């Protein structure tokens, strides 16, 4: 298993796409398919965590009711970031 800090978001996405392509082709053995699926789930978690972290850092400008420009930071509520996985959500 690759440490979360040692793989970039882009590398994780590329690897995840490769795994999905291999699984879709159906050329892997059952054992290799299970290993690929498990790795895909690890990569999905890494990517999801990175996206949540990025969203928390995004800053945007808004106007207050008085017309003043206010700098705000996007913050997700805890229940929004910890949603239950869907059955059809393979990755």
C-alpha atoms as a PDB file:
ATOM      1  CA  UNK A   1       0.000   0.000   0.000  1.00  0.00           C
ATOM      2  CA  UNK A   2       1.332   3.445  -0.943  1.00  0.00           C
ATOM      3  CA  UNK A   3       1.380   6.067   1.785  1.00  0.00           C
ATOM      4  CA  UNK A   4      -1.150   8.868   1.245  1.00  0.00           C
ATOM      5  CA  UNK A   5       1.581  11.525   1.274  1.00  0.00           C
ATOM      6  CA  UNK A   6       3.756   9.803  -1.346  1.00  0.00           C
ATOM      7  CA  UNK A   7       1.224   9.763  -4.192  1.00  0.00           C
ATOM      8  CA  UNK A   8      -0.161  12.889  -5.809  1.00  0.00           C
ATOM      9  CA  UNK A   9      -3.840  13.369  -6.518  1.00  0.00           C
ATOM     10  CA  UNK A  10      -3.139  13.172 -10.241  1.00  0.00           C
ATOM     11  CA  UNK A  11      -1.164   9.924  -9.884  1.00  0.00           C
ATOM     12  CA  UNK A  12      -3.955   8.413  -7.786  1.00  0.00           C
ATOM     13  CA  UNK A  13      -6.567   9.370 -10.401  1.00  0.00           C
ATOM     14  CA  UNK A  14      -4.444   7.897 -13.217  1.00  0.00           C
ATOM     15  CA  UNK A  15      -3.953   4.645 -11.321  1.00  0.00           C
ATOM     16  CA  UNK A  16      -7.649   4.516 -10.472  1.00  0.00           C
ATOM     17  CA  UNK A  17      -8.552   4.978 -14.154  1.00  0.00           C
ATOM     18  CA  UNK A  18      -6.137   2.180 -15.126  1.00  0.00           C
ATOM     19  CA  UNK A  19      -7.690  -0.154 -12.560  1.00  0.00           C
ATOM     20  CA  UNK A  20     -11.214   0.658 -13.725  1.00  0.00           C
ATOM     21  CA  UNK A  21     -10.215  -0.030 -17.338  1.00  0.00           C
ATOM     22  CA  UNK A  22      -8.684  -3.398 -16.423  1.00  0.00           C
ATOM     23  CA  UNK A  23     -11.757  -4.405 -14.428  1.00  0.00           C
ATOM     24  CA  UNK A  24     -14.083  -3.344 -17.251  1.00  0.00           C
ATOM     25  CA  UNK A  25     -12.133  -5.432 -19.792  1.00  0.00           C
ATOM     26  CA  UNK A  26     -12.620  -8.497 -17.591  1.00  0.00           C
ATOM     27  CA  UNK A  27      -9.189  -9.935 -18.355  1.00  0.00           C
ATOM     28  CA  UNK A  28      -8.039 -10.197 -14.733  1.00  0.00           C
ATOM     29  CA  UNK A  29      -8.391 -13.364 -12.698  1.00  0.00           C
ATOM     30  CA  UNK A  30     -10.806 -13.292  -9.791  1.00  0.00           C
ATOM     31  CA  UNK A  31      -7.962 -12.921  -7.292  1.00  0.00           C
ATOM     32  CA  UNK A  32      -6.353 -10.100  -9.295  1.00  0.00           C
ATOM     33  CA  UNK A  33      -9.748  -8.433  -9.708  1.00  0.00           C
ATOM     34  CA  UNK A  34     -10.274  -8.447  -5.942  1.00  0.00           C
ATOM     35  CA  UNK A  35      -6.788  -6.982  -5.362  1.00  0.00           C
ATOM     36  CA  UNK A  36      -7.402  -4.335  -8.028  1.00  0.00           C
ATOM     37  CA  UNK A  37     -10.775  -3.470  -6.478  1.00  0.00           C
ATOM     38  CA  UNK A  38      -9.203  -3.120  -3.014  1.00  0.00           C
ATOM     39  CA  UNK A  39      -6.473  -0.873  -4.410  1.00  0.00           C
ATOM     40  CA  UNK A  40      -9.124   1.159  -6.213  1.00  0.00           C
ATOM     41  CA  UNK A  41     -10.970   1.689  -2.938  1.00  0.00           C
ATOM     42  CA  UNK A  42      -7.735   2.882  -1.278  1.00  0.00           C
ATOM     43  CA  UNK A  43      -7.136   5.313  -4.129  1.00  0.00           C
ATOM     44  CA  UNK A  44     -10.727   6.555  -3.998  1.00  0.00           C
ATOM     45  CA  UNK A  45     -10.307   7.317  -0.301  1.00  0.00           C
ATOM     46  CA  UNK A  46      -7.041   9.178  -0.945  1.00  0.00           C
ATOM     47  CA  UNK A  47      -8.628  11.237  -3.729  1.00  0.00           C
ATOM     48  CA  UNK A  48     -11.743  12.002  -1.682  1.00  0.00           C
ATOM     49  CA  UNK A  49      -9.670  13.158   1.291  1.00  0.00           C
ATOM     50  CA  UNK A  50      -7.516  15.352  -0.954  1.00  0.00           C
ATOM     51  CA  UNK A  51     -10.619  16.945  -2.493  1.00  0.00           C
ATOM     52  CA  UNK A  52     -12.145  17.649   0.920  1.00  0.00           C
ATOM     53  CA  UNK A  53      -8.858  19.240   2.025  1.00  0.00           C
ATOM     54  CA  UNK A  54      -8.715  21.342  -1.154  1.00  0.00           C
ATOM     55  CA  UNK A  55     -12.306  22.507  -0.759  1.00  0.00           C
ATOM     56  CA  UNK A  56     -11.559  23.603   2.792  1.00  0.00           C
ATOM     57  CA  UNK A  57      -8.745  25.806   1.486  1.00  0.00           C
ATOM     58  CA  UNK A  58     -10.670  27.474  -1.323  1.00  0.00           C
ATOM     59  CA  UNK A  59     -11.339  31.078  -0.601  1.00  0.00           C
ATOM     60  CA  UNK A  60     -13.824  33.214  -2.437  1.00  0.00           C
ATOM     61  CA  UNK A  61     -15.083  36.778  -2.353  1.00  0.00           C
ATOM     62  CA  UNK A  62     -18.677  37.586  -1.540  1.00  0.00           C
ATOM     63  CA  UNK A  63     -20.603  40.781  -0.986  1.00  0.00           C
ATOM     64  CA  UNK A  64     -22.085  41.489   2.417  1.00  0.00           C
ATOM     65  CA  UNK A  65     -25.578  43.008   2.708  1.00  0.00           C
ATOM     66  CA  UNK A  66     -23.919  46.435   3.042  1.00  0.00           C
ATOM     67  CA  UNK A  67     -22.206  45.941  -0.352  1.00  0.00           C
ATOM     68  CA  UNK A  68     -18.767  45.395   1.158  1.00  0.00           C
ATOM     69  CA  UNK A  69     -16.549  42.691  -0.373  1.00  0.00           C
ATOM     70  CA  UNK A  70     -15.853  39.967   2.203  1.00  0.00           C
ATOM     71  CA  UNK A  71     -13.274  37.187   1.935  1.00  0.00           C
ATOM     72  CA  UNK A  72     -14.759  33.812   2.944  1.00  0.00           C
ATOM     73  CA  UNK A  73     -13.420  30.283   3.224  1.00  0.00           C
ATOM     74  CA  UNK A  74     -15.373  27.255   2.050  1.00  0.00           C
ATOM     75  CA  UNK A  75     -15.981  24.947   5.004  1.00  0.00           C
ATOM     76  CA  UNK A  76     -17.939  21.745   4.756  1.00  0.00           C
ATOM     77  CA  UNK A  77     -20.185  20.663   7.541  1.00  0.00           C
ATOM     78  CA  UNK A  78     -19.098  17.392   9.137  1.00  0.00           C
ATOM     79  CA  UNK A  79     -22.216  15.524   8.003  1.00  0.00           C
ATOM     80  CA  UNK A  80     -21.587  16.612   4.379  1.00  0.00           C
ATOM     81  CA  UNK A  81     -18.068  15.112   4.316  1.00  0.00           C
ATOM     82  CA  UNK A  82     -18.965  11.808   5.973  1.00  0.00           C
ATOM     83  CA  UNK A  83     -21.696  10.498   3.732  1.00  0.00           C
ATOM     84  CA  UNK A  84     -22.598   6.844   3.576  1.00  0.00           C
ATOM     85  CA  UNK A  85     -21.178   5.019   0.544  1.00  0.00           C
ATOM     86  CA  UNK A  86     -23.677   3.992  -2.089  1.00  0.00           C
ATOM     87  CA  UNK A  87     -23.871   0.397  -3.282  1.00  0.00           C
ATOM     88  CA  UNK A  88     -23.358   1.454  -6.892  1.00  0.00           C
ATOM     89  CA  UNK A  89     -20.324   3.559  -5.905  1.00  0.00           C
ATOM     90  CA  UNK A  90     -17.556   1.150  -6.904  1.00  0.00           C
ATOM     91  CA  UNK A  91     -14.839   3.783  -6.765  1.00  0.00           C
END
